[in-house]
């Protein structure tokens, strides 16, 4: 029996490598998104903590300068939250883009896999025909010798 040789194996190998690269890029993008979300949560927690501190200082009749400092810091944290929300949105958009690229790479690889499978099935049919032809020749040779 002859060996099956897929003519486009190098292309299939390339598609598999591209898919693996897209998986890695997608994974990195997801990690970056999770990091940005965590940073956002930390800033929000810091802001909440300072709002509580501001309330405590009000109850303790703190100096106006201390209250202004805390209030300014709370405002700064609010601005940081807005900037970080933009960072989260950008990271989310990158994740969406990488997901689409990965899906496209998977689709291209699956197309090549199907083509390889079809060619392999055709190869098996041809091999079966060849074997049947050899068997028929053996049978006809045996009949002719008898």
C-alpha atoms as a PDB file:
ATOM      1  CA  UNK A   1       0.000   0.000   0.000  1.00  0.00           C
ATOM      2  CA  UNK A   2       1.328   3.424  -0.955  1.00  0.00           C
ATOM      3  CA  UNK A   3       1.850   6.139   1.602  1.00  0.00           C
ATOM      4  CA  UNK A   4      -0.608   9.061   1.729  1.00  0.00           C
ATOM      5  CA  UNK A   5       1.049  12.376   0.991  1.00  0.00           C
ATOM      6  CA  UNK A   6      -0.998  15.553   1.448  1.00  0.00           C
ATOM      7  CA  UNK A   7       0.323  18.075  -1.066  1.00  0.00           C
ATOM      8  CA  UNK A   8      -0.681  21.036   1.073  1.00  0.00           C
ATOM      9  CA  UNK A   9       0.758  19.715   4.343  1.00  0.00           C
ATOM     10  CA  UNK A  10       3.150  22.664   4.625  1.00  0.00           C
ATOM     11  CA  UNK A  11       0.202  25.054   4.268  1.00  0.00           C
ATOM     12  CA  UNK A  12      -1.729  23.102   6.903  1.00  0.00           C
ATOM     13  CA  UNK A  13       1.278  23.225   9.230  1.00  0.00           C
ATOM     14  CA  UNK A  14       1.467  26.991   8.702  1.00  0.00           C
ATOM     15  CA  UNK A  15      -2.247  27.360   9.472  1.00  0.00           C
ATOM     16  CA  UNK A  16      -1.789  25.344  12.677  1.00  0.00           C
ATOM     17  CA  UNK A  17       1.152  27.538  13.692  1.00  0.00           C
ATOM     18  CA  UNK A  18      -0.843  30.696  12.944  1.00  0.00           C
ATOM     19  CA  UNK A  19      -3.737  29.367  15.025  1.00  0.00           C
ATOM     20  CA  UNK A  20      -1.391  28.684  17.943  1.00  0.00           C
ATOM     21  CA  UNK A  21       0.027  32.213  17.660  1.00  0.00           C
ATOM     22  CA  UNK A  22      -3.492  33.674  17.657  1.00  0.00           C
ATOM     23  CA  UNK A  23      -4.358  31.600  20.743  1.00  0.00           C
ATOM     24  CA  UNK A  24      -1.315  33.008  22.529  1.00  0.00           C
ATOM     25  CA  UNK A  25      -2.152  36.580  21.480  1.00  0.00           C
ATOM     26  CA  UNK A  26      -5.746  36.106  22.626  1.00  0.00           C
ATOM     27  CA  UNK A  27      -4.579  34.724  25.982  1.00  0.00           C
ATOM     28  CA  UNK A  28      -2.241  37.668  26.491  1.00  0.00           C
ATOM     29  CA  UNK A  29      -5.008  40.116  25.622  1.00  0.00           C
ATOM     30  CA  UNK A  30      -7.357  38.466  28.133  1.00  0.00           C
ATOM     31  CA  UNK A  31      -4.670  38.652  30.833  1.00  0.00           C
ATOM     32  CA  UNK A  32      -4.127  42.350  30.059  1.00  0.00           C
ATOM     33  CA  UNK A  33      -7.874  42.981  30.300  1.00  0.00           C
ATOM     34  CA  UNK A  34      -8.065  41.225  33.668  1.00  0.00           C
ATOM     35  CA  UNK A  35      -5.093  43.263  34.904  1.00  0.00           C
ATOM     36  CA  UNK A  36      -6.751  46.538  33.811  1.00  0.00           C
ATOM     37  CA  UNK A  37      -9.998  45.519  35.538  1.00  0.00           C
ATOM     38  CA  UNK A  38      -8.099  44.758  38.728  1.00  0.00           C
ATOM     39  CA  UNK A  39      -6.365  48.148  38.615  1.00  0.00           C
ATOM     40  CA  UNK A  40      -9.775  49.807  38.169  1.00  0.00           C
ATOM     41  CA  UNK A  41     -11.173  47.942  41.173  1.00  0.00           C
ATOM     42  CA  UNK A  42      -8.160  48.936  43.282  1.00  0.00           C
ATOM     43  CA  UNK A  43      -8.657  52.608  42.403  1.00  0.00           C
ATOM     44  CA  UNK A  44     -12.369  52.365  43.213  1.00  0.00           C
ATOM     45  CA  UNK A  45     -11.566  50.724  46.545  1.00  0.00           C
ATOM     46  CA  UNK A  46      -9.035  53.476  47.304  1.00  0.00           C
ATOM     47  CA  UNK A  47     -11.635  56.132  46.477  1.00  0.00           C
ATOM     48  CA  UNK A  48     -14.239  54.445  48.696  1.00  0.00           C
ATOM     49  CA  UNK A  49     -11.720  54.221  51.527  1.00  0.00           C
ATOM     50  CA  UNK A  50     -10.960  57.952  51.239  1.00  0.00           C
ATOM     51  CA  UNK A  51     -14.641  58.866  51.115  1.00  0.00           C
ATOM     52  CA  UNK A  52     -15.074  57.000  54.390  1.00  0.00           C
ATOM     53  CA  UNK A  53     -11.991  58.751  55.794  1.00  0.00           C
ATOM     54  CA  UNK A  54     -13.478  62.107  54.737  1.00  0.00           C
ATOM     55  CA  UNK A  55     -16.689  61.253  56.618  1.00  0.00           C
ATOM     56  CA  UNK A  56     -14.721  60.273  59.707  1.00  0.00           C
ATOM     57  CA  UNK A  57     -12.712  63.498  59.579  1.00  0.00           C
ATOM     58  CA  UNK A  58     -15.954  65.472  59.351  1.00  0.00           C
ATOM     59  CA  UNK A  59     -17.261  63.715  62.461  1.00  0.00           C
ATOM     60  CA  UNK A  60     -14.013  64.435  64.285  1.00  0.00           C
ATOM     61  CA  UNK A  61     -14.136  68.097  63.282  1.00  0.00           C
ATOM     62  CA  UNK A  62     -10.850  68.015  61.382  1.00  0.00           C
ATOM     63  CA  UNK A  63      -9.036  71.020  60.010  1.00  0.00           C
ATOM     64  CA  UNK A  64     -10.308  72.507  56.780  1.00  0.00           C
ATOM     65  CA  UNK A  65      -6.915  71.939  55.155  1.00  0.00           C
ATOM     66  CA  UNK A  66      -7.118  68.193  55.926  1.00  0.00           C
ATOM     67  CA  UNK A  67     -10.632  68.023  54.477  1.00  0.00           C
ATOM     68  CA  UNK A  68      -9.452  69.851  51.338  1.00  0.00           C
ATOM     69  CA  UNK A  69      -6.558  67.442  50.935  1.00  0.00           C
ATOM     70  CA  UNK A  70      -8.817  64.418  51.200  1.00  0.00           C
ATOM     71  CA  UNK A  71     -11.377  65.998  48.878  1.00  0.00           C
ATOM     72  CA  UNK A  72      -8.680  66.783  46.294  1.00  0.00           C
ATOM     73  CA  UNK A  73      -7.374  63.248  46.491  1.00  0.00           C
ATOM     74  CA  UNK A  74     -10.913  61.877  46.028  1.00  0.00           C
ATOM     75  CA  UNK A  75     -11.292  64.076  42.932  1.00  0.00           C
ATOM     76  CA  UNK A  76      -7.943  62.857  41.615  1.00  0.00           C
ATOM     77  CA  UNK A  77      -9.039  59.252  42.151  1.00  0.00           C
ATOM     78  CA  UNK A  78     -12.260  60.012  40.249  1.00  0.00           C
ATOM     79  CA  UNK A  79     -10.162  61.200  37.296  1.00  0.00           C
ATOM     80  CA  UNK A  80      -7.962  58.107  37.564  1.00  0.00           C
ATOM     81  CA  UNK A  81     -11.086  55.948  37.514  1.00  0.00           C
ATOM     82  CA  UNK A  82     -12.222  57.577  34.261  1.00  0.00           C
ATOM     83  CA  UNK A  83      -8.805  57.056  32.675  1.00  0.00           C
ATOM     84  CA  UNK A  84      -8.723  53.461  33.880  1.00  0.00           C
ATOM     85  CA  UNK A  85     -12.218  52.826  32.480  1.00  0.00           C
ATOM     86  CA  UNK A  86     -10.867  53.938  29.103  1.00  0.00           C
ATOM     87  CA  UNK A  87      -7.945  51.518  29.539  1.00  0.00           C
ATOM     88  CA  UNK A  88     -10.392  48.702  30.334  1.00  0.00           C
ATOM     89  CA  UNK A  89     -12.464  49.563  27.248  1.00  0.00           C
ATOM     90  CA  UNK A  90      -9.357  49.586  25.042  1.00  0.00           C
ATOM     91  CA  UNK A  91      -8.228  46.244  26.463  1.00  0.00           C
ATOM     92  CA  UNK A  92     -11.730  44.846  25.933  1.00  0.00           C
ATOM     93  CA  UNK A  93     -11.703  45.995  22.306  1.00  0.00           C
ATOM     94  CA  UNK A  94      -8.324  44.351  21.797  1.00  0.00           C
ATOM     95  CA  UNK A  95      -9.681  41.108  23.287  1.00  0.00           C
ATOM     96  CA  UNK A  96     -12.629  41.243  20.878  1.00  0.00           C
ATOM     97  CA  UNK A  97     -10.291  41.845  17.935  1.00  0.00           C
ATOM     98  CA  UNK A  98      -7.969  38.990  18.984  1.00  0.00           C
ATOM     99  CA  UNK A  99     -10.982  36.702  19.434  1.00  0.00           C
ATOM    100  CA  UNK A 100     -12.127  37.452  15.876  1.00  0.00           C
ATOM    101  CA  UNK A 101      -8.612  36.821  14.553  1.00  0.00           C
ATOM    102  CA  UNK A 102      -8.476  33.523  16.444  1.00  0.00           C
ATOM    103  CA  UNK A 103     -11.864  32.440  15.110  1.00  0.00           C
ATOM    104  CA  UNK A 104     -10.716  33.236  11.564  1.00  0.00           C
ATOM    105  CA  UNK A 105      -7.497  31.248  12.051  1.00  0.00           C
ATOM    106  CA  UNK A 106      -9.463  28.283  13.419  1.00  0.00           C
ATOM    107  CA  UNK A 107     -11.824  28.470  10.458  1.00  0.00           C
ATOM    108  CA  UNK A 108      -8.930  28.491   7.972  1.00  0.00           C
ATOM    109  CA  UNK A 109      -7.277  25.541   9.707  1.00  0.00           C
ATOM    110  CA  UNK A 110     -10.523  23.566   9.718  1.00  0.00           C
ATOM    111  CA  UNK A 111     -10.910  24.174   5.987  1.00  0.00           C
ATOM    112  CA  UNK A 112      -7.452  22.725   5.426  1.00  0.00           C
ATOM    113  CA  UNK A 113      -8.255  19.770   7.707  1.00  0.00           C
ATOM    114  CA  UNK A 114     -11.421  19.023   5.709  1.00  0.00           C
ATOM    115  CA  UNK A 115      -9.478  19.219   2.458  1.00  0.00           C
ATOM    116  CA  UNK A 116      -6.872  16.820   3.834  1.00  0.00           C
ATOM    117  CA  UNK A 117      -9.605  14.453   4.994  1.00  0.00           C
ATOM    118  CA  UNK A 118     -11.284  14.511   1.562  1.00  0.00           C
ATOM    119  CA  UNK A 119      -7.999  13.823  -0.181  1.00  0.00           C
ATOM    120  CA  UNK A 120      -7.253  10.999   2.255  1.00  0.00           C
ATOM    121  CA  UNK A 121     -10.652   9.414   1.606  1.00  0.00           C
ATOM    122  CA  UNK A 122     -10.049   9.693  -2.150  1.00  0.00           C
ATOM    123  CA  UNK A 123      -6.626   8.098  -1.637  1.00  0.00           C
ATOM    124  CA  UNK A 124      -8.212   5.208   0.287  1.00  0.00           C
ATOM    125  CA  UNK A 125     -10.770   4.653  -2.490  1.00  0.00           C
ATOM    126  CA  UNK A 126      -8.018   4.580  -5.099  1.00  0.00           C
ATOM    127  CA  UNK A 127      -5.987   2.145  -3.006  1.00  0.00           C
ATOM    128  CA  UNK A 128      -9.041  -0.082  -2.630  1.00  0.00           C
ATOM    129  CA  UNK A 129      -9.571  -0.035  -6.407  1.00  0.00           C
ATOM    130  CA  UNK A 130      -5.929  -0.976  -6.948  1.00  0.00           C
ATOM    131  CA  UNK A 131      -6.181  -3.836  -4.466  1.00  0.00           C
ATOM    132  CA  UNK A 132      -9.397  -5.053  -6.092  1.00  0.00           C
ATOM    133  CA  UNK A 133      -7.729  -4.901  -9.497  1.00  0.00           C
ATOM    134  CA  UNK A 134      -4.796  -6.993  -8.217  1.00  0.00           C
ATOM    135  CA  UNK A 135      -7.183  -9.500  -6.638  1.00  0.00           C
ATOM    136  CA  UNK A 136      -9.141  -9.743  -9.909  1.00  0.00           C
ATOM    137  CA  UNK A 137      -5.906 -10.343 -11.829  1.00  0.00           C
ATOM    138  CA  UNK A 138      -4.875 -13.086  -9.402  1.00  0.00           C
ATOM    139  CA  UNK A 139      -8.264 -14.739  -9.696  1.00  0.00           C
ATOM    140  CA  UNK A 140      -8.250 -14.545 -13.509  1.00  0.00           C
ATOM    141  CA  UNK A 141      -4.672 -15.902 -13.577  1.00  0.00           C
ATOM    142  CA  UNK A 142      -5.712 -18.860 -11.384  1.00  0.00           C
ATOM    143  CA  UNK A 143      -8.690 -19.560 -13.684  1.00  0.00           C
ATOM    144  CA  UNK A 144      -6.532 -19.386 -16.778  1.00  0.00           C
ATOM    145  CA  UNK A 145      -3.918 -21.757 -15.321  1.00  0.00           C
ATOM    146  CA  UNK A 146      -6.575 -24.317 -14.344  1.00  0.00           C
END
